[in-house]
Every structure is written in structure tokens, then in C-alpha cells.
Amino acid sequence: MSNHERETYTVTGKSFTAVAVNMAAKAGEYMKSKLGQATDVRVKTSPHDLVTEVDKGTEILIRKIIHTYFPTHDILGEEGVEPGAEASRLALEAVKDREYVWIVDPIDGTTNFIHGLPFYSVSIALAHRGEVIVGVVYDPSRDELFVAEKGKGAYVHGKRIQVSPEEELAGSLVATGFPTDRQHVLPLALKQIESVAPRVRNIRAGGSAALHLAYVAAGRLTGFWEANLNAWDIAAGMLLVQEAGGKVTDMNGEPYGLHVRDVAATNGRIHDDLIAAIR
């Protein structure tokens, strides 16, 4: 390992990735212990965008661990940001040039969590000067931990994962999501589904962008696209896909950055065709 890598991935001998995995496991335990108790449900931006005390409690838990190990690091977390795209953009702008920023979604798939549907996750990423270097997505329901480190591959249960082999849209299983903004973004999303559906094997909409991205990385989905997502929805999953050999861009095919809100991620082979279909 070069000195540069050692500086990037560890501080005072403590591995960033090990801390991220530890946080994800503890957050998952906490979430499972609260399953069925999410009675205090509040609306964020619309009746479809929900938050619970469990979201807040999970983020507090994660923040405490980060501050314990890395007191100088910044944190960009869903619960610390006002609702809406503009607030998310400003929050990201405030920290994007900082040395180390943890990007956290305490529960990606809150609506599923509230309804007891076991498709939700905790998403934890670490960016170094704006570039994501560690990504962890944990599914407590299946006890599946997806881990990626920049330049070192992507893994689940410690086994290396790679994207699926499909060469064409016709044989592809893809996923998307239904946006919480029902007035402006939903009509566009429905048009995209209408365009993509006849061209692919099938479409899924599980309700957790982070898990969809992890599934693209693991070869369970050929691709995923969704509009109006936040950095904390995508950052960890994006690194998983890239490190598993896939491709992540915005919906115009431009390279992914933390500012991207409209994302497309695939095995790489169907990428251009999926972009053409959704556009």
C-alpha cells in the first residue's frame, strides 16, 4: 500500500471502512429493534415524503460514532438538512470542499420501514475533498452488508461482487423509483417508465435507491435510474456500482458528482441505451 493510500483510508491507525461498517451494523440493529414502533410519522416535503423518530435516532447514533473516532470530520446527513432540493444543494455546497465529509442516510426507504416492508437500508459514504472513497450500504432485514473502497473493489459478505453480464436492454431487469414530488417530477418519471418498459425484460420499484444501487453492483439488477435524489441517497451506492465494474452518470450521460440529483447506474453495457430510453 502506498503512503497516499494509507493517508486516504486511515487516520491514527483507524480504518475509515471499519468504522463505516461498525456504524452500519449498529444502525441496523437499532432500526430492527424499532420495527413496528414508528408511530410518530411526520411529513417532510409532501404526503409521500416521510420521516420518523427512528430516522432521527439512527442518525444521532451514527453522528456520535463519527465524532468519537473523527472529531474533525464534517457530516452531511438527511436529518440535519431542511426538506427540499434547494436546501440539499446548499447543504452540499457548504461542505463539498472540506477534507473529509461523511454522507449519511439513516434509513433509505422510510416508507417501507413504516409499513413493515423489508426493503430499506442505511447508507454511509465518506468523501475526501469531494470524491467518495468509502461506501457502505447495509440491509438489516437480510443482514447483507455491501462495502466498497475506492480502487479496491466492492464486496457483500466479504465476497467480491460484479455487475451483471447483459449486453442489451431487452434482456435487462432495471429499477426506478417514484419521486416524492408528485407535481413536477412524477409526470416525468411516469413518461420515462412508459418509454423504458417496452424495451426491457421488466422494471422494479423497491423504494430504496441505495439498495437498488447495491443490487446493480451485485448483478441482481442490470440498471437503475431515478430523478430528484439527494447526495445521501446515492453516494455509497454509486461507489459500489463503480467498484463492481459498472457505470454511474446523470440522466444526460454526464459523469457522476455529489451534486447529481438525476442518476442512472448500470452494468455499463446497457448504459447508453438506457440513457437514450429515459431521455
C-alpha atoms as a PDB file:
ATOM      1  CA  MET A   1       0.000   0.000   0.000  1.00  0.00           C
ATOM      2  CA  SER A   2       1.402   3.421  -0.946  1.00  0.00           C
ATOM      3  CA  ASN A   3       1.727   6.258   1.564  1.00  0.00           C
ATOM      4  CA  HIS A   4      -1.006   8.111  -0.293  1.00  0.00           C
ATOM      5  CA  GLU A   5      -3.451   5.223   0.163  1.00  0.00           C
ATOM      6  CA  ARG A   6      -2.519   4.875   3.817  1.00  0.00           C
ATOM      7  CA  GLU A   7      -3.232   8.586   4.385  1.00  0.00           C
ATOM      8  CA  THR A   8      -6.510   8.410   2.498  1.00  0.00           C
ATOM      9  CA  TYR A   9      -8.016   5.389   4.211  1.00  0.00           C
ATOM     10  CA  THR A  10      -6.777   5.550   7.786  1.00  0.00           C
ATOM     11  CA  VAL A  11      -6.386   8.140  10.497  1.00  0.00           C
ATOM     12  CA  THR A  12      -4.252   7.295  13.544  1.00  0.00           C
ATOM     13  CA  GLY A  13      -4.422   3.647  12.530  1.00  0.00           C
ATOM     14  CA  LYS A  14      -8.236   3.522  12.473  1.00  0.00           C
ATOM     15  CA  SER A  15      -9.652   2.338   9.172  1.00  0.00           C
ATOM     16  CA  PHE A  16     -12.421   4.526   7.768  1.00  0.00           C
ATOM     17  CA  THR A  17     -14.042   1.464   6.236  1.00  0.00           C
ATOM     18  CA  ALA A  18     -14.020  -0.446   9.541  1.00  0.00           C
ATOM     19  CA  VAL A  19     -15.725   2.494  11.269  1.00  0.00           C
ATOM     20  CA  ALA A  20     -18.316   2.762   8.466  1.00  0.00           C
ATOM     21  CA  VAL A  21     -19.088  -0.966   8.740  1.00  0.00           C
ATOM     22  CA  ASN A  22     -19.364  -0.690  12.529  1.00  0.00           C
ATOM     23  CA  MET A  23     -21.758   2.269  12.216  1.00  0.00           C
ATOM     24  CA  ALA A  24     -23.910   0.495   9.637  1.00  0.00           C
ATOM     25  CA  ALA A  25     -24.180  -2.637  11.807  1.00  0.00           C
ATOM     26  CA  LYS A  26     -25.114  -0.658  14.935  1.00  0.00           C
ATOM     27  CA  ALA A  27     -27.628   1.462  12.983  1.00  0.00           C
ATOM     28  CA  GLY A  28     -29.184  -1.701  11.515  1.00  0.00           C
ATOM     29  CA  GLU A  29     -29.539  -3.265  14.968  1.00  0.00           C
ATOM     30  CA  TYR A  30     -31.202  -0.122  16.268  1.00  0.00           C
ATOM     31  CA  MET A  31     -33.595   0.042  13.286  1.00  0.00           C
ATOM     32  CA  LYS A  32     -34.626  -3.602  13.690  1.00  0.00           C
ATOM     33  CA  SER A  33     -35.275  -3.076  17.400  1.00  0.00           C
ATOM     34  CA  LYS A  34     -37.678  -0.247  16.492  1.00  0.00           C
ATOM     35  CA  LEU A  35     -39.529  -2.073  13.703  1.00  0.00           C
ATOM     36  CA  GLY A  36     -43.282  -1.694  14.168  1.00  0.00           C
ATOM     37  CA  GLN A  37     -42.803   1.174  16.625  1.00  0.00           C
ATOM     38  CA  ALA A  38     -42.645   4.005  14.070  1.00  0.00           C
ATOM     39  CA  THR A  39     -45.802   5.657  15.334  1.00  0.00           C
ATOM     40  CA  ASP A  40     -44.558   9.261  15.260  1.00  0.00           C
ATOM     41  CA  VAL A  41     -44.594   9.710  11.482  1.00  0.00           C
ATOM     42  CA  ARG A  42     -44.192  13.211  10.047  1.00  0.00           C
ATOM     43  CA  VAL A  43     -44.474  14.580   6.542  1.00  0.00           C
ATOM     44  CA  LYS A  44     -41.428  16.354   5.057  1.00  0.00           C
ATOM     45  CA  THR A  45     -41.995  17.821   1.580  1.00  0.00           C
ATOM     46  CA  SER A  46     -45.224  16.025   0.635  1.00  0.00           C
ATOM     47  CA  PRO A  47     -47.569  13.308   1.974  1.00  0.00           C
ATOM     48  CA  HIS A  48     -45.248  10.821   0.224  1.00  0.00           C
ATOM     49  CA  ASP A  49     -42.030  12.044   1.894  1.00  0.00           C
ATOM     50  CA  LEU A  50     -41.979  10.738   5.450  1.00  0.00           C
ATOM     51  CA  VAL A  51     -39.700  10.887   8.486  1.00  0.00           C
ATOM     52  CA  THR A  52     -39.883   9.065  11.833  1.00  0.00           C
ATOM     53  CA  GLU A  53     -38.202   9.321  15.204  1.00  0.00           C
ATOM     54  CA  VAL A  54     -36.269   6.212  14.154  1.00  0.00           C
ATOM     55  CA  ASP A  55     -34.647   8.154  11.269  1.00  0.00           C
ATOM     56  CA  LYS A  56     -33.571  10.813  13.745  1.00  0.00           C
ATOM     57  CA  GLY A  57     -32.389   8.292  16.364  1.00  0.00           C
ATOM     58  CA  THR A  58     -30.368   6.341  13.784  1.00  0.00           C
ATOM     59  CA  GLU A  59     -28.632   9.482  12.543  1.00  0.00           C
ATOM     60  CA  ILE A  60     -27.818  10.601  16.103  1.00  0.00           C
ATOM     61  CA  LEU A  61     -26.236   7.180  16.734  1.00  0.00           C
ATOM     62  CA  ILE A  62     -24.111   7.455  13.553  1.00  0.00           C
ATOM     63  CA  ARG A  63     -23.076  11.052  14.301  1.00  0.00           C
ATOM     64  CA  LYS A  64     -21.919  10.070  17.806  1.00  0.00           C
ATOM     65  CA  ILE A  65     -19.672   7.318  16.414  1.00  0.00           C
ATOM     66  CA  ILE A  66     -18.180   9.628  13.759  1.00  0.00           C
ATOM     67  CA  HIS A  67     -17.488  12.338  16.335  1.00  0.00           C
ATOM     68  CA  THR A  68     -15.873   9.779  18.642  1.00  0.00           C
ATOM     69  CA  TYR A  69     -13.398   8.494  16.037  1.00  0.00           C
ATOM     70  CA  PHE A  70     -13.045  11.523  13.756  1.00  0.00           C
ATOM     71  CA  PRO A  71     -13.967  14.710  15.649  1.00  0.00           C
ATOM     72  CA  THR A  72     -12.685  16.996  12.869  1.00  0.00           C
ATOM     73  CA  HIS A  73     -14.732  15.395  10.085  1.00  0.00           C
ATOM     74  CA  ASP A  74     -17.868  17.021   8.652  1.00  0.00           C
ATOM     75  CA  ILE A  75     -21.215  15.222   8.337  1.00  0.00           C
ATOM     76  CA  LEU A  76     -23.874  15.680   5.677  1.00  0.00           C
ATOM     77  CA  GLY A  77     -26.921  13.763   6.889  1.00  0.00           C
ATOM     78  CA  GLU A  78     -30.528  13.718   5.789  1.00  0.00           C
ATOM     79  CA  GLU A  79     -31.900  14.611   9.219  1.00  0.00           C
ATOM     80  CA  GLY A  80     -29.623  17.645   9.533  1.00  0.00           C
ATOM     81  CA  VAL A  81     -30.938  19.285   6.340  1.00  0.00           C
ATOM     82  CA  GLU A  82     -34.213  21.090   5.731  1.00  0.00           C
ATOM     83  CA  PRO A  83     -36.536  19.364   3.214  1.00  0.00           C
ATOM     84  CA  GLY A  84     -36.387  20.233  -0.477  1.00  0.00           C
ATOM     85  CA  ALA A  85     -33.922  20.216  -3.362  1.00  0.00           C
ATOM     86  CA  GLU A  86     -32.608  23.745  -2.760  1.00  0.00           C
ATOM     87  CA  ALA A  87     -31.817  23.086   0.926  1.00  0.00           C
ATOM     88  CA  SER A  88     -29.984  19.878  -0.078  1.00  0.00           C
ATOM     89  CA  ARG A  89     -27.977  21.779  -2.697  1.00  0.00           C
ATOM     90  CA  LEU A  90     -26.962  24.466  -0.187  1.00  0.00           C
ATOM     91  CA  ALA A  91     -26.030  21.891   2.474  1.00  0.00           C
ATOM     92  CA  LEU A  92     -23.804  20.061  -0.024  1.00  0.00           C
ATOM     93  CA  GLU A  93     -22.277  23.342  -1.230  1.00  0.00           C
ATOM     94  CA  ALA A  94     -21.309  24.201   2.364  1.00  0.00           C
ATOM     95  CA  VAL A  95     -19.222  21.025   2.860  1.00  0.00           C
ATOM     96  CA  LYS A  96     -18.153  19.869  -0.619  1.00  0.00           C
ATOM     97  CA  ASP A  97     -14.615  21.302  -0.401  1.00  0.00           C
ATOM     98  CA  ARG A  98     -13.939  20.106   3.157  1.00  0.00           C
ATOM     99  CA  GLU A  99     -11.258  17.459   3.645  1.00  0.00           C
ATOM    100  CA  TYR A 100     -13.463  14.639   4.958  1.00  0.00           C
ATOM    101  CA  VAL A 101     -17.257  14.569   4.783  1.00  0.00           C
ATOM    102  CA  TRP A 102     -19.434  11.645   5.882  1.00  0.00           C
ATOM    103  CA  ILE A 103     -22.635  11.450   3.808  1.00  0.00           C
ATOM    104  CA  VAL A 104     -25.349   9.593   5.693  1.00  0.00           C
ATOM    105  CA  ASP A 105     -28.901   8.407   5.027  1.00  0.00           C
ATOM    106  CA  PRO A 106     -30.043   6.814   8.314  1.00  0.00           C
ATOM    107  CA  ILE A 107     -32.992   4.998   6.700  1.00  0.00           C
ATOM    108  CA  ASP A 108     -33.205   4.901   2.924  1.00  0.00           C
ATOM    109  CA  GLY A 109     -36.709   3.550   2.399  1.00  0.00           C
ATOM    110  CA  THR A 110     -38.522   5.117   5.366  1.00  0.00           C
ATOM    111  CA  THR A 111     -41.958   4.447   3.817  1.00  0.00           C
ATOM    112  CA  ASN A 112     -41.117   0.736   3.533  1.00  0.00           C
ATOM    113  CA  PHE A 113     -39.841   0.745   7.121  1.00  0.00           C
ATOM    114  CA  ILE A 114     -43.108   2.292   8.381  1.00  0.00           C
ATOM    115  CA  HIS A 115     -45.192  -0.299   6.505  1.00  0.00           C
ATOM    116  CA  GLY A 116     -43.006  -3.212   7.630  1.00  0.00           C
ATOM    117  CA  LEU A 117     -41.840  -3.954   4.069  1.00  0.00           C
ATOM    118  CA  PRO A 118     -38.314  -5.397   4.456  1.00  0.00           C
ATOM    119  CA  PHE A 119     -36.617  -3.295   1.770  1.00  0.00           C
ATOM    120  CA  TYR A 120     -34.822  -0.427   3.492  1.00  0.00           C
ATOM    121  CA  SER A 121     -31.199   0.301   4.256  1.00  0.00           C
ATOM    122  CA  VAL A 122     -28.661   2.505   5.956  1.00  0.00           C
ATOM    123  CA  SER A 123     -26.317   4.286   3.551  1.00  0.00           C
ATOM    124  CA  ILE A 124     -22.946   5.650   4.704  1.00  0.00           C
ATOM    125  CA  ALA A 125     -20.308   7.215   2.433  1.00  0.00           C
ATOM    126  CA  LEU A 126     -17.083   9.099   3.085  1.00  0.00           C
ATOM    127  CA  ALA A 127     -15.897  11.775   0.645  1.00  0.00           C
ATOM    128  CA  HIS A 128     -12.309  13.047   0.607  1.00  0.00           C
ATOM    129  CA  ARG A 129     -12.181  16.521  -0.953  1.00  0.00           C
ATOM    130  CA  GLY A 130     -15.406  15.856  -2.855  1.00  0.00           C
ATOM    131  CA  GLU A 131     -14.519  12.344  -4.054  1.00  0.00           C
ATOM    132  CA  VAL A 132     -16.266   9.352  -2.482  1.00  0.00           C
ATOM    133  CA  ILE A 133     -13.638   6.911  -1.133  1.00  0.00           C
ATOM    134  CA  VAL A 134     -15.750   4.598   1.070  1.00  0.00           C
ATOM    135  CA  GLY A 135     -19.327   3.404   0.557  1.00  0.00           C
ATOM    136  CA  VAL A 136     -21.359   1.088   2.790  1.00  0.00           C
ATOM    137  CA  VAL A 137     -25.000   0.058   2.287  1.00  0.00           C
ATOM    138  CA  TYR A 138     -26.491  -2.251   4.924  1.00  0.00           C
ATOM    139  CA  ASP A 139     -29.791  -4.132   4.621  1.00  0.00           C
ATOM    140  CA  PRO A 140     -30.747  -5.127   8.194  1.00  0.00           C
ATOM    141  CA  SER A 141     -33.670  -7.329   7.051  1.00  0.00           C
ATOM    142  CA  ARG A 142     -31.369  -9.684   5.132  1.00  0.00           C
ATOM    143  CA  ASP A 143     -28.233  -8.907   7.140  1.00  0.00           C
ATOM    144  CA  GLU A 144     -26.489  -8.003   3.879  1.00  0.00           C
ATOM    145  CA  LEU A 145     -23.584  -5.601   4.075  1.00  0.00           C
ATOM    146  CA  PHE A 146     -22.336  -4.080   0.813  1.00  0.00           C
ATOM    147  CA  VAL A 147     -18.901  -2.444   1.099  1.00  0.00           C
ATOM    148  CA  ALA A 148     -16.740  -0.570  -1.412  1.00  0.00           C
ATOM    149  CA  GLU A 149     -13.404   1.203  -1.105  1.00  0.00           C
ATOM    150  CA  LYS A 150     -12.091   3.408  -3.894  1.00  0.00           C
ATOM    151  CA  GLY A 151      -9.803   1.334  -6.097  1.00  0.00           C
ATOM    152  CA  LYS A 152     -10.271  -1.848  -4.056  1.00  0.00           C
ATOM    153  CA  GLY A 153     -13.490  -3.378  -5.398  1.00  0.00           C
ATOM    154  CA  ALA A 154     -16.966  -3.979  -3.971  1.00  0.00           C
ATOM    155  CA  TYR A 155     -17.998  -6.792  -1.637  1.00  0.00           C
ATOM    156  CA  VAL A 156     -21.012  -8.376   0.048  1.00  0.00           C
ATOM    157  CA  HIS A 157     -20.460 -10.835   2.934  1.00  0.00           C
ATOM    158  CA  GLY A 158     -16.752 -10.366   2.189  1.00  0.00           C
ATOM    159  CA  LYS A 159     -17.144 -11.810  -1.324  1.00  0.00           C
ATOM    160  CA  ARG A 160     -16.245  -9.715  -4.352  1.00  0.00           C
ATOM    161  CA  ILE A 161     -19.227  -8.650  -6.442  1.00  0.00           C
ATOM    162  CA  GLN A 162     -19.524  -7.558 -10.045  1.00  0.00           C
ATOM    163  CA  VAL A 163     -22.189  -6.137 -12.306  1.00  0.00           C
ATOM    164  CA  SER A 164     -24.416  -8.337 -14.492  1.00  0.00           C
ATOM    165  CA  PRO A 165     -23.424  -9.542 -17.978  1.00  0.00           C
ATOM    166  CA  GLU A 166     -26.475  -8.419 -20.020  1.00  0.00           C
ATOM    167  CA  GLU A 167     -25.490  -6.761 -23.277  1.00  0.00           C
ATOM    168  CA  GLU A 168     -28.886  -5.425 -24.337  1.00  0.00           C
ATOM    169  CA  LEU A 169     -31.894  -3.673 -22.803  1.00  0.00           C
ATOM    170  CA  ALA A 170     -34.186  -6.476 -23.980  1.00  0.00           C
ATOM    171  CA  GLY A 171     -32.639  -8.912 -21.501  1.00  0.00           C
ATOM    172  CA  SER A 172     -32.257  -6.394 -18.680  1.00  0.00           C
ATOM    173  CA  LEU A 173     -34.003  -6.141 -15.312  1.00  0.00           C
ATOM    174  CA  VAL A 174     -33.965  -2.489 -14.271  1.00  0.00           C
ATOM    175  CA  ALA A 175     -35.296  -0.497 -11.322  1.00  0.00           C
ATOM    176  CA  THR A 176     -36.547   3.008 -10.711  1.00  0.00           C
ATOM    177  CA  GLY A 177     -38.363   4.963  -8.020  1.00  0.00           C
ATOM    178  CA  PHE A 178     -41.474   7.080  -7.692  1.00  0.00           C
ATOM    179  CA  PRO A 179     -40.479  10.604  -6.661  1.00  0.00           C
ATOM    180  CA  THR A 180     -41.938  12.328  -3.612  1.00  0.00           C
ATOM    181  CA  ASP A 181     -42.509  15.466  -5.722  1.00  0.00           C
ATOM    182  CA  ARG A 182     -45.809  14.395  -7.284  1.00  0.00           C
ATOM    183  CA  GLN A 183     -46.487  17.703  -9.017  1.00  0.00           C
ATOM    184  CA  HIS A 184     -43.372  18.276 -11.109  1.00  0.00           C
ATOM    185  CA  VAL A 185     -41.156  15.170 -11.081  1.00  0.00           C
ATOM    186  CA  LEU A 186     -43.717  12.350 -11.076  1.00  0.00           C
ATOM    187  CA  PRO A 187     -45.167  13.102 -14.554  1.00  0.00           C
ATOM    188  CA  LEU A 188     -41.623  12.957 -15.987  1.00  0.00           C
ATOM    189  CA  ALA A 189     -40.893   9.678 -14.130  1.00  0.00           C
ATOM    190  CA  LEU A 190     -44.072   8.088 -15.499  1.00  0.00           C
ATOM    191  CA  LYS A 191     -43.133   9.140 -19.045  1.00  0.00           C
ATOM    192  CA  GLN A 192     -39.692   7.554 -18.549  1.00  0.00           C
ATOM    193  CA  ILE A 193     -41.260   4.301 -17.311  1.00  0.00           C
ATOM    194  CA  GLU A 194     -43.588   4.321 -20.320  1.00  0.00           C
ATOM    195  CA  SER A 195     -40.561   4.682 -22.597  1.00  0.00           C
ATOM    196  CA  VAL A 196     -38.325   2.126 -20.852  1.00  0.00           C
ATOM    197  CA  ALA A 197     -40.877  -0.622 -20.052  1.00  0.00           C
ATOM    198  CA  PRO A 198     -41.382  -1.986 -23.605  1.00  0.00           C
ATOM    199  CA  ARG A 199     -37.609  -2.115 -24.156  1.00  0.00           C
ATOM    200  CA  VAL A 200     -36.521  -4.123 -21.078  1.00  0.00           C
ATOM    201  CA  ARG A 201     -37.269  -7.527 -19.560  1.00  0.00           C
ATOM    202  CA  ASN A 202     -39.019  -5.846 -16.609  1.00  0.00           C
ATOM    203  CA  ILE A 203     -38.957  -2.904 -14.198  1.00  0.00           C
ATOM    204  CA  ARG A 204     -38.888  -2.981 -10.394  1.00  0.00           C
ATOM    205  CA  ALA A 205     -39.503  -0.156  -7.906  1.00  0.00           C
ATOM    206  CA  GLY A 206     -38.420  -1.317  -4.452  1.00  0.00           C
ATOM    207  CA  GLY A 207     -38.352   2.022  -2.656  1.00  0.00           C
ATOM    208  CA  SER A 208     -34.698   2.309  -1.576  1.00  0.00           C
ATOM    209  CA  ALA A 209     -32.318   3.954  -4.056  1.00  0.00           C
ATOM    210  CA  ALA A 210     -29.287   2.860  -2.003  1.00  0.00           C
ATOM    211  CA  LEU A 211     -30.353  -0.810  -2.132  1.00  0.00           C
ATOM    212  CA  HIS A 212     -31.185  -0.585  -5.839  1.00  0.00           C
ATOM    213  CA  LEU A 213     -27.644   0.684  -6.480  1.00  0.00           C
ATOM    214  CA  ALA A 214     -26.198  -2.102  -4.307  1.00  0.00           C
ATOM    215  CA  TYR A 215     -28.211  -4.607  -6.365  1.00  0.00           C
ATOM    216  CA  VAL A 216     -26.823  -3.180  -9.614  1.00  0.00           C
ATOM    217  CA  ALA A 217     -23.335  -3.643  -8.139  1.00  0.00           C
ATOM    218  CA  ALA A 218     -24.153  -7.238  -7.140  1.00  0.00           C
ATOM    219  CA  GLY A 219     -25.511  -8.083 -10.610  1.00  0.00           C
ATOM    220  CA  ARG A 220     -29.099  -8.590  -9.374  1.00  0.00           C
ATOM    221  CA  LEU A 221     -30.296  -5.600 -11.406  1.00  0.00           C
ATOM    222  CA  THR A 222     -28.864  -4.554 -14.771  1.00  0.00           C
ATOM    223  CA  GLY A 223     -29.578  -0.878 -14.177  1.00  0.00           C
ATOM    224  CA  PHE A 224     -31.334   1.770 -12.103  1.00  0.00           C
ATOM    225  CA  TRP A 225     -32.436   5.335 -12.702  1.00  0.00           C
ATOM    226  CA  GLU A 226     -34.279   7.899 -10.608  1.00  0.00           C
ATOM    227  CA  ALA A 227     -34.746  11.666 -10.596  1.00  0.00           C
ATOM    228  CA  ASN A 228     -34.546  14.192  -7.753  1.00  0.00           C
ATOM    229  CA  LEU A 229     -32.416  12.163  -5.338  1.00  0.00           C
ATOM    230  CA  ASN A 230     -30.059  13.647  -2.739  1.00  0.00           C
ATOM    231  CA  ALA A 231     -26.336  13.040  -2.245  1.00  0.00           C
ATOM    232  CA  TRP A 232     -27.036  10.816   0.787  1.00  0.00           C
ATOM    233  CA  ASP A 233     -29.331   8.566  -1.286  1.00  0.00           C
ATOM    234  CA  ILE A 234     -26.670   7.892  -3.923  1.00  0.00           C
ATOM    235  CA  ALA A 235     -23.100   8.437  -2.678  1.00  0.00           C
ATOM    236  CA  ALA A 236     -22.405   4.995  -1.138  1.00  0.00           C
ATOM    237  CA  GLY A 237     -24.304   3.031  -3.788  1.00  0.00           C
ATOM    238  CA  MET A 238     -22.599   4.922  -6.595  1.00  0.00           C
ATOM    239  CA  LEU A 239     -19.167   3.797  -5.373  1.00  0.00           C
ATOM    240  CA  LEU A 240     -20.436   0.209  -5.055  1.00  0.00           C
ATOM    241  CA  VAL A 241     -21.521   0.238  -8.714  1.00  0.00           C
ATOM    242  CA  GLN A 242     -18.276   1.777  -9.951  1.00  0.00           C
ATOM    243  CA  GLU A 243     -16.100  -0.585  -7.938  1.00  0.00           C
ATOM    244  CA  ALA A 244     -18.131  -3.567  -9.214  1.00  0.00           C
ATOM    245  CA  GLY A 245     -17.334  -2.572 -12.801  1.00  0.00           C
ATOM    246  CA  GLY A 246     -20.475  -0.585 -13.602  1.00  0.00           C
ATOM    247  CA  LYS A 247     -21.139   2.958 -14.742  1.00  0.00           C
ATOM    248  CA  VAL A 248     -22.861   5.883 -12.988  1.00  0.00           C
ATOM    249  CA  THR A 249     -23.811   9.178 -14.655  1.00  0.00           C
ATOM    250  CA  ASP A 250     -26.541  11.767 -14.581  1.00  0.00           C
ATOM    251  CA  MET A 251     -29.516  11.223 -16.872  1.00  0.00           C
ATOM    252  CA  ASN A 252     -27.747  13.064 -19.702  1.00  0.00           C
ATOM    253  CA  GLY A 253     -24.790  10.685 -19.505  1.00  0.00           C
ATOM    254  CA  GLU A 254     -22.517  13.250 -17.800  1.00  0.00           C
ATOM    255  CA  PRO A 255     -20.113  11.947 -15.111  1.00  0.00           C
ATOM    256  CA  TYR A 256     -21.447  11.474 -11.577  1.00  0.00           C
ATOM    257  CA  GLY A 257     -20.565  14.032  -8.893  1.00  0.00           C
ATOM    258  CA  LEU A 258     -22.014  14.668  -5.439  1.00  0.00           C
ATOM    259  CA  HIS A 259     -24.203  17.417  -6.961  1.00  0.00           C
ATOM    260  CA  VAL A 260     -26.025  14.960  -9.292  1.00  0.00           C
ATOM    261  CA  ARG A 261     -29.724  14.520  -8.410  1.00  0.00           C
ATOM    262  CA  ASP A 262     -30.965  12.659 -11.516  1.00  0.00           C
ATOM    263  CA  VAL A 263     -28.952   9.457 -11.637  1.00  0.00           C
ATOM    264  CA  ALA A 264     -28.517   6.471 -13.958  1.00  0.00           C
ATOM    265  CA  ALA A 265     -26.427   3.440 -12.946  1.00  0.00           C
ATOM    266  CA  THR A 266     -25.912   0.279 -14.989  1.00  0.00           C
ATOM    267  CA  ASN A 267     -23.582  -2.616 -15.726  1.00  0.00           C
ATOM    268  CA  GLY A 268     -22.034  -0.277 -18.312  1.00  0.00           C
ATOM    269  CA  ARG A 269     -23.008  -2.394 -21.293  1.00  0.00           C
ATOM    270  CA  ILE A 270     -26.600  -1.128 -21.498  1.00  0.00           C
ATOM    271  CA  HIS A 271     -25.822   2.375 -20.235  1.00  0.00           C
ATOM    272  CA  ASP A 272     -26.116   4.356 -23.460  1.00  0.00           C
ATOM    273  CA  ASP A 273     -29.300   2.527 -24.440  1.00  0.00           C
ATOM    274  CA  LEU A 274     -30.912   3.159 -21.028  1.00  0.00           C
ATOM    275  CA  ILE A 275     -29.958   6.863 -21.179  1.00  0.00           C
ATOM    276  CA  ALA A 276     -31.475   7.090 -24.667  1.00  0.00           C
ATOM    277  CA  ALA A 277     -34.680   5.401 -23.447  1.00  0.00           C
ATOM    278  CA  ILE A 278     -35.135   7.630 -20.389  1.00  0.00           C
ATOM    279  CA  ARG A 279     -34.345  10.785 -22.342  1.00  0.00           C
END
